[in-house]
Amino acid sequence: MTEHLSAMPGKPTSYSRVTLSRIMTAIDVNLYGTVHGGVLMKFVDDVAGAAAARHSGGTAVTAAIDEIVFSEAVRVGDLVHAYAQVNWTGQTSMEIGVRVMAERWDSAEQEPVRVATAYLVFVGVEVDGAPRPVRPVLPETPEDERRWREAEIRRAHRLARRRAIQAHRAG
């Protein structure tokens, strides 16, 4: 398998970038009159999945949501854009970073507002569901390199947390 991985040509970060946009409607609201967090979570997962599939050249599934932070409420009528890219790749997994911005319907000339940020882990899978190797991502800019390093920190924390929980359960 290692020979196969080293033979896989990498793709630049820009290759995986995906943007999805939609106008939020009355069916998206929660009891407080703003867009339900679950609607935004699905939107984040959709754009991350598109970036993961593009980069890996096939099916990729959500394995974990490392973090999602909602920083501003989204309202009905807002035009919301979700931007995703592959930040980091391992043998079969990828971290996808997502930034969600809203253009306010009642102040369209103002700058879009950041409403959420998320980091998700996807795994490339075969038709039978078995993990498959994914090609390396090749950071192109200092920003891409920063994202790579921060993704490695999140991965190390995720793995350390898993080991600590397993050790606790083992007694």
N, C-alpha and C. Protein backbone atom coordinates (compact mmCIF):
# COMPACT_ATOMS: atom_id res chain seq x y z
N MET A 1 0.83 -1.19 0.00
CA MET A 1 0.00 0.00 0.00
C MET A 1 0.88 1.26 0.00
N THR A 2 2.00 1.25 0.69
CA THR A 2 2.87 2.42 0.72
C THR A 2 3.39 2.73 -0.68
N GLU A 3 3.72 1.70 -1.46
CA GLU A 3 4.18 1.94 -2.83
C GLU A 3 3.10 2.65 -3.62
N HIS A 4 1.86 2.23 -3.44
CA HIS A 4 0.74 2.84 -4.16
C HIS A 4 0.60 4.31 -3.77
N LEU A 5 0.75 4.61 -2.47
CA LEU A 5 0.62 6.00 -2.01
C LEU A 5 1.70 6.88 -2.59
N SER A 6 2.95 6.40 -2.58
CA SER A 6 4.03 7.24 -3.07
C SER A 6 3.91 7.44 -4.58
N ALA A 7 3.24 6.53 -5.27
CA ALA A 7 3.08 6.64 -6.71
C ALA A 7 1.92 7.58 -7.07
N MET A 8 1.06 7.90 -6.09
CA MET A 8 -0.08 8.76 -6.38
C MET A 8 0.39 10.21 -6.48
N PRO A 9 0.14 10.85 -7.62
CA PRO A 9 0.54 12.27 -7.72
C PRO A 9 -0.35 13.13 -6.83
N GLY A 10 0.27 14.12 -6.20
CA GLY A 10 -0.50 15.03 -5.36
C GLY A 10 -1.25 16.05 -6.20
N LYS A 11 -2.15 16.75 -5.53
CA LYS A 11 -2.91 17.83 -6.16
C LYS A 11 -2.74 19.08 -5.31
N PRO A 12 -2.63 20.24 -5.94
CA PRO A 12 -2.51 21.47 -5.17
C PRO A 12 -3.78 21.76 -4.38
N THR A 13 -3.61 22.53 -3.31
CA THR A 13 -4.75 22.90 -2.47
C THR A 13 -5.87 23.51 -3.30
N SER A 14 -5.53 24.35 -4.25
CA SER A 14 -6.56 25.05 -5.05
C SER A 14 -7.45 24.09 -5.82
N TYR A 15 -6.95 22.89 -6.13
CA TYR A 15 -7.74 21.91 -6.88
C TYR A 15 -8.99 21.50 -6.12
N SER A 16 -8.89 21.44 -4.78
CA SER A 16 -10.01 20.93 -3.98
C SER A 16 -11.02 21.99 -3.59
N ARG A 17 -10.74 23.26 -3.86
CA ARG A 17 -11.62 24.32 -3.37
C ARG A 17 -13.00 24.26 -4.01
N VAL A 18 -14.02 24.36 -3.14
CA VAL A 18 -15.42 24.31 -3.58
C VAL A 18 -16.18 25.41 -2.85
N THR A 19 -17.12 26.04 -3.55
CA THR A 19 -18.01 27.01 -2.93
C THR A 19 -19.44 26.60 -3.22
N LEU A 20 -20.27 26.57 -2.19
CA LEU A 20 -21.71 26.37 -2.35
C LEU A 20 -22.40 27.61 -1.79
N SER A 21 -23.49 28.02 -2.43
CA SER A 21 -24.24 29.19 -1.97
C SER A 21 -25.72 28.88 -2.00
N ARG A 22 -26.44 29.47 -1.03
CA ARG A 22 -27.89 29.35 -1.04
C ARG A 22 -28.52 30.46 -0.22
N ILE A 23 -29.74 30.77 -0.56
CA ILE A 23 -30.52 31.75 0.21
C ILE A 23 -31.29 30.99 1.27
N MET A 24 -31.20 31.45 2.51
CA MET A 24 -31.91 30.80 3.61
C MET A 24 -33.38 31.23 3.59
N THR A 25 -34.26 30.26 3.80
CA THR A 25 -35.70 30.52 3.70
C THR A 25 -36.41 30.20 5.02
N ALA A 26 -37.70 30.43 5.03
CA ALA A 26 -38.51 30.21 6.24
C ALA A 26 -38.47 28.76 6.72
N ILE A 27 -38.23 27.81 5.84
CA ILE A 27 -38.18 26.41 6.29
C ILE A 27 -36.89 26.08 7.04
N ASP A 28 -35.93 27.01 7.02
CA ASP A 28 -34.64 26.79 7.67
C ASP A 28 -34.58 27.31 9.10
N VAL A 29 -35.65 27.97 9.58
CA VAL A 29 -35.57 28.65 10.88
C VAL A 29 -35.85 27.74 12.06
N ASN A 30 -35.30 28.17 13.20
CA ASN A 30 -35.56 27.50 14.48
C ASN A 30 -36.63 28.28 15.24
N LEU A 31 -36.87 27.92 16.47
CA LEU A 31 -37.90 28.58 17.29
C LEU A 31 -37.57 30.03 17.60
N TYR A 32 -36.33 30.43 17.43
CA TYR A 32 -35.90 31.80 17.74
C TYR A 32 -35.95 32.72 16.54
N GLY A 33 -36.33 32.17 15.37
CA GLY A 33 -36.46 32.99 14.18
C GLY A 33 -35.18 33.15 13.38
N THR A 34 -34.12 32.45 13.77
CA THR A 34 -32.88 32.46 12.99
C THR A 34 -32.69 31.08 12.36
N VAL A 35 -31.73 30.97 11.48
CA VAL A 35 -31.51 29.69 10.80
C VAL A 35 -30.99 28.66 11.80
N HIS A 36 -31.58 27.49 11.76
CA HIS A 36 -31.25 26.38 12.64
C HIS A 36 -29.79 25.94 12.42
N GLY A 37 -29.07 25.72 13.51
CA GLY A 37 -27.68 25.27 13.42
C GLY A 37 -27.53 23.99 12.63
N GLY A 38 -28.51 23.10 12.73
CA GLY A 38 -28.46 21.85 11.99
C GLY A 38 -28.50 22.05 10.48
N VAL A 39 -29.23 23.07 10.04
CA VAL A 39 -29.26 23.40 8.61
C VAL A 39 -27.87 23.82 8.15
N LEU A 40 -27.22 24.65 8.96
CA LEU A 40 -25.86 25.08 8.62
C LEU A 40 -24.88 23.92 8.69
N MET A 41 -25.07 23.01 9.66
CA MET A 41 -24.18 21.85 9.76
C MET A 41 -24.28 20.97 8.51
N LYS A 42 -25.49 20.77 8.01
CA LYS A 42 -25.66 19.98 6.79
C LYS A 42 -25.00 20.69 5.61
N PHE A 43 -25.16 22.00 5.54
CA PHE A 43 -24.55 22.79 4.47
C PHE A 43 -23.02 22.66 4.53
N VAL A 44 -22.46 22.74 5.73
CA VAL A 44 -21.02 22.56 5.94
C VAL A 44 -20.59 21.16 5.49
N ASP A 45 -21.33 20.14 5.88
CA ASP A 45 -20.99 18.77 5.50
C ASP A 45 -21.08 18.58 3.99
N ASP A 46 -22.07 19.21 3.35
CA ASP A 46 -22.22 19.10 1.89
C ASP A 46 -21.01 19.69 1.16
N VAL A 47 -20.61 20.91 1.55
CA VAL A 47 -19.50 21.54 0.85
C VAL A 47 -18.18 20.83 1.15
N ALA A 48 -18.00 20.36 2.39
CA ALA A 48 -16.80 19.61 2.74
C ALA A 48 -16.74 18.30 1.96
N GLY A 49 -17.88 17.63 1.83
CA GLY A 49 -17.93 16.39 1.07
C GLY A 49 -17.59 16.58 -0.40
N ALA A 50 -18.03 17.70 -0.96
CA ALA A 50 -17.70 17.99 -2.36
C ALA A 50 -16.20 18.22 -2.53
N ALA A 51 -15.59 18.94 -1.59
CA ALA A 51 -14.14 19.18 -1.66
C ALA A 51 -13.38 17.87 -1.50
N ALA A 52 -13.81 17.03 -0.55
CA ALA A 52 -13.15 15.75 -0.31
C ALA A 52 -13.25 14.83 -1.53
N ALA A 53 -14.43 14.77 -2.13
CA ALA A 53 -14.62 13.92 -3.31
C ALA A 53 -13.79 14.43 -4.49
N ARG A 54 -13.76 15.75 -4.66
CA ARG A 54 -12.96 16.33 -5.75
C ARG A 54 -11.49 15.98 -5.56
N HIS A 55 -10.99 16.19 -4.35
CA HIS A 55 -9.56 15.95 -4.11
C HIS A 55 -9.21 14.47 -4.24
N SER A 56 -10.05 13.62 -3.66
CA SER A 56 -9.72 12.19 -3.63
C SER A 56 -10.06 11.47 -4.92
N GLY A 57 -10.82 12.12 -5.79
CA GLY A 57 -11.16 11.50 -7.07
C GLY A 57 -12.18 10.39 -6.94
N GLY A 58 -12.98 10.42 -5.90
CA GLY A 58 -14.00 9.39 -5.72
C GLY A 58 -14.77 9.61 -4.43
N THR A 59 -15.41 8.56 -3.99
CA THR A 59 -16.26 8.64 -2.81
C THR A 59 -15.43 8.90 -1.56
N ALA A 60 -15.93 9.83 -0.75
CA ALA A 60 -15.32 10.13 0.55
C ALA A 60 -16.47 10.36 1.52
N VAL A 61 -16.32 9.87 2.73
CA VAL A 61 -17.39 9.97 3.73
C VAL A 61 -16.90 10.72 4.96
N THR A 62 -17.84 11.35 5.64
CA THR A 62 -17.52 12.07 6.87
C THR A 62 -17.14 11.08 7.95
N ALA A 63 -15.98 11.27 8.55
CA ALA A 63 -15.52 10.40 9.65
C ALA A 63 -15.63 11.12 10.98
N ALA A 64 -15.43 12.44 10.98
CA ALA A 64 -15.49 13.20 12.24
C ALA A 64 -15.69 14.67 11.92
N ILE A 65 -16.32 15.35 12.84
CA ILE A 65 -16.35 16.81 12.81
C ILE A 65 -15.50 17.23 14.00
N ASP A 66 -14.31 17.75 13.69
CA ASP A 66 -13.39 18.14 14.75
C ASP A 66 -13.91 19.35 15.50
N GLU A 67 -14.46 20.29 14.77
CA GLU A 67 -14.89 21.53 15.39
C GLU A 67 -15.85 22.25 14.46
N ILE A 68 -16.87 22.88 15.05
CA ILE A 68 -17.71 23.81 14.31
C ILE A 68 -18.04 24.93 15.28
N VAL A 69 -17.78 26.14 14.84
CA VAL A 69 -18.01 27.31 15.67
C VAL A 69 -18.98 28.23 14.93
N PHE A 70 -20.09 28.54 15.58
CA PHE A 70 -21.05 29.49 15.03
C PHE A 70 -20.75 30.85 15.65
N SER A 71 -20.40 31.83 14.84
CA SER A 71 -19.99 33.13 15.37
C SER A 71 -21.05 34.22 15.23
N GLU A 72 -21.98 34.05 14.31
CA GLU A 72 -23.06 35.02 14.11
C GLU A 72 -24.31 34.26 13.68
N ALA A 73 -25.45 34.80 14.03
CA ALA A 73 -26.72 34.19 13.60
C ALA A 73 -26.94 34.43 12.11
N VAL A 74 -27.59 33.47 11.48
CA VAL A 74 -27.99 33.60 10.08
C VAL A 74 -29.49 33.81 10.07
N ARG A 75 -29.95 34.70 9.21
CA ARG A 75 -31.36 35.05 9.18
C ARG A 75 -32.00 34.63 7.85
N VAL A 76 -33.29 34.51 7.87
CA VAL A 76 -34.04 34.22 6.64
C VAL A 76 -33.74 35.34 5.64
N GLY A 77 -33.48 34.95 4.41
CA GLY A 77 -33.17 35.91 3.35
C GLY A 77 -31.69 36.11 3.13
N ASP A 78 -30.86 35.73 4.10
CA ASP A 78 -29.41 35.88 3.92
C ASP A 78 -28.93 34.95 2.80
N LEU A 79 -28.03 35.47 1.98
CA LEU A 79 -27.35 34.66 0.98
C LEU A 79 -26.09 34.13 1.65
N VAL A 80 -26.03 32.81 1.82
CA VAL A 80 -24.95 32.19 2.58
C VAL A 80 -24.03 31.43 1.62
N HIS A 81 -22.72 31.65 1.81
CA HIS A 81 -21.69 31.00 1.00
C HIS A 81 -20.84 30.13 1.91
N ALA A 82 -20.60 28.89 1.52
CA ALA A 82 -19.72 28.00 2.26
C ALA A 82 -18.52 27.68 1.36
N TYR A 83 -17.32 27.94 1.89
CA TYR A 83 -16.08 27.73 1.16
C TYR A 83 -15.32 26.60 1.83
N ALA A 84 -14.89 25.61 1.04
CA ALA A 84 -14.19 24.45 1.60
C ALA A 84 -12.92 24.17 0.81
N GLN A 85 -11.94 23.61 1.51
CA GLN A 85 -10.73 23.12 0.85
C GLN A 85 -10.10 22.04 1.71
N VAL A 86 -9.32 21.18 1.07
CA VAL A 86 -8.56 20.17 1.79
C VAL A 86 -7.35 20.87 2.42
N ASN A 87 -7.23 20.75 3.74
CA ASN A 87 -6.11 21.36 4.47
C ASN A 87 -4.96 20.39 4.66
N TRP A 88 -5.28 19.08 4.78
CA TRP A 88 -4.28 18.09 5.16
C TRP A 88 -4.73 16.74 4.64
N THR A 89 -3.76 15.88 4.30
CA THR A 89 -4.08 14.51 3.91
C THR A 89 -3.17 13.54 4.63
N GLY A 90 -3.75 12.39 4.97
CA GLY A 90 -2.99 11.27 5.50
C GLY A 90 -3.01 10.17 4.45
N GLN A 91 -3.00 8.91 4.90
CA GLN A 91 -3.04 7.81 3.94
C GLN A 91 -4.42 7.65 3.33
N THR A 92 -5.45 7.65 4.18
CA THR A 92 -6.82 7.48 3.68
C THR A 92 -7.73 8.62 4.11
N SER A 93 -7.25 9.49 4.97
CA SER A 93 -8.09 10.55 5.51
C SER A 93 -7.64 11.94 5.08
N MET A 94 -8.56 12.88 5.20
CA MET A 94 -8.30 14.27 4.81
C MET A 94 -9.00 15.18 5.81
N GLU A 95 -8.38 16.32 6.13
CA GLU A 95 -9.09 17.34 6.88
C GLU A 95 -9.56 18.39 5.89
N ILE A 96 -10.84 18.74 6.02
CA ILE A 96 -11.44 19.76 5.19
C ILE A 96 -11.76 20.96 6.08
N GLY A 97 -11.31 22.13 5.69
CA GLY A 97 -11.66 23.35 6.39
C GLY A 97 -12.80 24.04 5.68
N VAL A 98 -13.75 24.57 6.45
CA VAL A 98 -14.92 25.24 5.87
C VAL A 98 -15.10 26.59 6.54
N ARG A 99 -15.34 27.60 5.74
CA ARG A 99 -15.67 28.94 6.22
C ARG A 99 -17.03 29.30 5.64
N VAL A 100 -17.95 29.77 6.50
CA VAL A 100 -19.30 30.11 6.07
C VAL A 100 -19.50 31.61 6.25
N MET A 101 -19.89 32.28 5.17
CA MET A 101 -20.10 33.72 5.16
C MET A 101 -21.55 34.02 4.76
N ALA A 102 -22.10 35.11 5.31
CA ALA A 102 -23.47 35.50 4.97
C ALA A 102 -23.49 36.92 4.44
N GLU A 103 -24.22 37.09 3.34
CA GLU A 103 -24.54 38.42 2.84
C GLU A 103 -25.93 38.73 3.38
N ARG A 104 -26.04 39.76 4.18
CA ARG A 104 -27.32 40.12 4.79
C ARG A 104 -28.28 40.66 3.74
N TRP A 105 -29.49 40.10 3.73
CA TRP A 105 -30.47 40.48 2.71
C TRP A 105 -30.86 41.95 2.82
N ASP A 106 -30.80 42.51 4.04
CA ASP A 106 -31.25 43.89 4.23
C ASP A 106 -30.11 44.90 4.18
N SER A 107 -28.90 44.43 3.91
CA SER A 107 -27.75 45.34 3.79
C SER A 107 -26.74 44.74 2.81
N ALA A 108 -27.21 44.48 1.61
CA ALA A 108 -26.43 43.76 0.61
C ALA A 108 -25.14 44.47 0.21
N GLU A 109 -25.05 45.77 0.43
CA GLU A 109 -23.84 46.48 0.04
C GLU A 109 -22.73 46.37 1.09
N GLN A 110 -23.05 45.85 2.26
CA GLN A 110 -22.02 45.68 3.29
C GLN A 110 -21.22 44.40 3.02
N GLU A 111 -20.04 44.33 3.64
CA GLU A 111 -19.20 43.15 3.49
C GLU A 111 -19.89 41.92 4.08
N PRO A 112 -19.70 40.74 3.48
CA PRO A 112 -20.25 39.52 4.08
C PRO A 112 -19.70 39.30 5.49
N VAL A 113 -20.50 38.65 6.32
CA VAL A 113 -20.16 38.39 7.72
C VAL A 113 -19.80 36.92 7.88
N ARG A 114 -18.69 36.64 8.59
CA ARG A 114 -18.35 35.24 8.87
C ARG A 114 -19.34 34.72 9.92
N VAL A 115 -20.02 33.63 9.59
CA VAL A 115 -21.02 33.09 10.51
C VAL A 115 -20.63 31.74 11.11
N ALA A 116 -19.69 31.04 10.48
CA ALA A 116 -19.26 29.75 11.03
C ALA A 116 -17.92 29.33 10.43
N THR A 117 -17.21 28.52 11.21
CA THR A 117 -15.96 27.89 10.76
C THR A 117 -16.01 26.45 11.22
N ALA A 118 -15.53 25.54 10.39
CA ALA A 118 -15.58 24.13 10.77
C ALA A 118 -14.39 23.37 10.19
N TYR A 119 -14.05 22.28 10.87
CA TYR A 119 -13.01 21.36 10.42
C TYR A 119 -13.58 19.96 10.49
N LEU A 120 -13.57 19.27 9.36
CA LEU A 120 -14.14 17.93 9.27
C LEU A 120 -13.08 16.96 8.76
N VAL A 121 -13.20 15.70 9.16
CA VAL A 121 -12.32 14.65 8.67
C VAL A 121 -13.14 13.75 7.76
N PHE A 122 -12.63 13.52 6.56
CA PHE A 122 -13.25 12.62 5.61
C PHE A 122 -12.30 11.48 5.30
N VAL A 123 -12.84 10.33 4.95
CA VAL A 123 -12.06 9.17 4.56
C VAL A 123 -12.49 8.75 3.16
N GLY A 124 -11.51 8.54 2.29
CA GLY A 124 -11.80 7.99 0.98
C GLY A 124 -12.22 6.53 1.14
N VAL A 125 -13.26 6.14 0.42
CA VAL A 125 -13.74 4.76 0.54
C VAL A 125 -13.97 4.12 -0.82
N GLU A 126 -13.78 2.80 -0.84
CA GLU A 126 -14.09 1.99 -2.01
C GLU A 126 -15.60 1.75 -2.06
N VAL A 127 -16.07 1.13 -3.12
CA VAL A 127 -17.49 0.83 -3.28
C VAL A 127 -18.01 -0.03 -2.12
N ASP A 128 -17.16 -0.93 -1.62
CA ASP A 128 -17.58 -1.82 -0.53
C ASP A 128 -17.47 -1.16 0.85
N GLY A 129 -17.03 0.12 0.88
CA GLY A 129 -16.92 0.84 2.15
C GLY A 129 -15.55 0.78 2.79
N ALA A 130 -14.64 -0.01 2.22
CA ALA A 130 -13.28 -0.10 2.79
C ALA A 130 -12.51 1.19 2.51
N PRO A 131 -11.70 1.64 3.47
CA PRO A 131 -10.89 2.84 3.22
C PRO A 131 -9.97 2.64 2.02
N ARG A 132 -9.75 3.71 1.28
CA ARG A 132 -8.84 3.66 0.14
C ARG A 132 -7.85 4.81 0.24
N PRO A 133 -6.67 4.65 -0.30
CA PRO A 133 -5.67 5.73 -0.25
C PRO A 133 -6.19 6.99 -0.95
N VAL A 134 -5.80 8.13 -0.41
CA VAL A 134 -6.09 9.40 -1.07
C VAL A 134 -4.77 10.06 -1.45
N ARG A 135 -4.80 10.81 -2.52
CA ARG A 135 -3.59 11.47 -2.99
C ARG A 135 -3.20 12.60 -2.03
N PRO A 136 -1.93 12.93 -1.96
CA PRO A 136 -1.48 14.01 -1.10
C PRO A 136 -2.02 15.37 -1.57
N VAL A 137 -2.24 16.26 -0.63
CA VAL A 137 -2.55 17.64 -0.98
C VAL A 137 -1.23 18.41 -0.92
N LEU A 138 -1.02 19.30 -1.85
CA LEU A 138 0.21 20.07 -1.95
C LEU A 138 -0.07 21.54 -1.64
N PRO A 139 0.26 21.98 -0.42
CA PRO A 139 0.03 23.39 -0.08
C PRO A 139 0.76 24.31 -1.05
N GLU A 140 0.07 25.38 -1.45
CA GLU A 140 0.63 26.30 -2.44
C GLU A 140 1.10 27.62 -1.86
N THR A 141 0.52 28.04 -0.77
CA THR A 141 0.81 29.37 -0.22
C THR A 141 1.19 29.25 1.25
N PRO A 142 1.75 30.30 1.83
CA PRO A 142 2.01 30.28 3.27
C PRO A 142 0.73 30.02 4.08
N GLU A 143 -0.39 30.53 3.62
CA GLU A 143 -1.68 30.28 4.29
C GLU A 143 -2.02 28.79 4.25
N ASP A 144 -1.83 28.15 3.10
CA ASP A 144 -2.08 26.71 2.97
C ASP A 144 -1.15 25.92 3.89
N GLU A 145 0.10 26.35 3.99
CA GLU A 145 1.06 25.67 4.87
C GLU A 145 0.66 25.83 6.34
N ARG A 146 0.16 27.02 6.71
CA ARG A 146 -0.34 27.24 8.08
C ARG A 146 -1.51 26.31 8.36
N ARG A 147 -2.43 26.21 7.40
CA ARG A 147 -3.59 25.33 7.58
C ARG A 147 -3.16 23.88 7.76
N TRP A 148 -2.14 23.46 6.98
CA TRP A 148 -1.60 22.09 7.10
C TRP A 148 -1.10 21.85 8.51
N ARG A 149 -0.27 22.76 9.02
CA ARG A 149 0.31 22.60 10.36
C ARG A 149 -0.78 22.58 11.44
N GLU A 150 -1.76 23.46 11.32
CA GLU A 150 -2.85 23.48 12.30
C GLU A 150 -3.70 22.22 12.22
N ALA A 151 -3.86 21.67 11.02
CA ALA A 151 -4.60 20.40 10.86
C ALA A 151 -3.85 19.27 11.57
N GLU A 152 -2.52 19.28 11.49
CA GLU A 152 -1.74 18.26 12.20
C GLU A 152 -1.92 18.38 13.71
N ILE A 153 -2.02 19.59 14.22
CA ILE A 153 -2.27 19.80 15.66
C ILE A 153 -3.64 19.24 16.03
N ARG A 154 -4.67 19.54 15.22
CA ARG A 154 -6.01 19.02 15.52
C ARG A 154 -6.01 17.50 15.47
N ARG A 155 -5.29 16.91 14.51
CA ARG A 155 -5.22 15.44 14.40
C ARG A 155 -4.54 14.85 15.63
N ALA A 156 -3.43 15.45 16.05
CA ALA A 156 -2.72 14.95 17.25
C ALA A 156 -3.62 15.02 18.47
N HIS A 157 -4.37 16.08 18.62
CA HIS A 157 -5.30 16.21 19.76
C HIS A 157 -6.41 15.17 19.69
N ARG A 158 -6.94 14.96 18.47
CA ARG A 158 -8.01 13.97 18.28
C ARG A 158 -7.52 12.57 18.67
N LEU A 159 -6.31 12.21 18.21
CA LEU A 159 -5.76 10.89 18.50
C LEU A 159 -5.41 10.75 19.98
N ALA A 160 -4.86 11.80 20.59
CA ALA A 160 -4.53 11.77 22.03
C ALA A 160 -5.79 11.63 22.86
N ARG A 161 -6.84 12.33 22.49
CA ARG A 161 -8.12 12.23 23.21
C ARG A 161 -8.66 10.80 23.12
N ARG A 162 -8.60 10.22 21.92
CA ARG A 162 -9.07 8.84 21.74
C ARG A 162 -8.27 7.88 22.61
N ARG A 163 -6.94 8.02 22.63
CA ARG A 163 -6.09 7.13 23.46
C ARG A 163 -6.41 7.32 24.94
N ALA A 164 -6.59 8.57 25.38
CA ALA A 164 -6.89 8.83 26.80
C ALA A 164 -8.23 8.22 27.21
N ILE A 165 -9.20 8.31 26.37
CA ILE A 165 -10.51 7.72 26.67
C ILE A 165 -10.43 6.21 26.70
N GLN A 166 -9.71 5.62 25.74
CA GLN A 166 -9.54 4.16 25.74
C GLN A 166 -8.81 3.69 26.99
N ALA A 167 -7.78 4.43 27.41
CA ALA A 167 -7.04 4.08 28.63
C ALA A 167 -7.93 4.20 29.85
N HIS A 168 -8.75 5.21 29.90
CA HIS A 168 -9.67 5.39 31.03
C HIS A 168 -10.67 4.25 31.10
N ARG A 169 -11.20 3.86 29.95
CA ARG A 169 -12.18 2.76 29.91
C ARG A 169 -11.56 1.43 30.29
N ALA A 170 -10.28 1.25 29.95
CA ALA A 170 -9.58 0.01 30.25
C ALA A 170 -9.29 -0.11 31.75
N GLY A 171 -9.37 1.01 32.46
CA GLY A 171 -9.20 0.99 33.90
C GLY A 171 -7.84 1.33 34.28
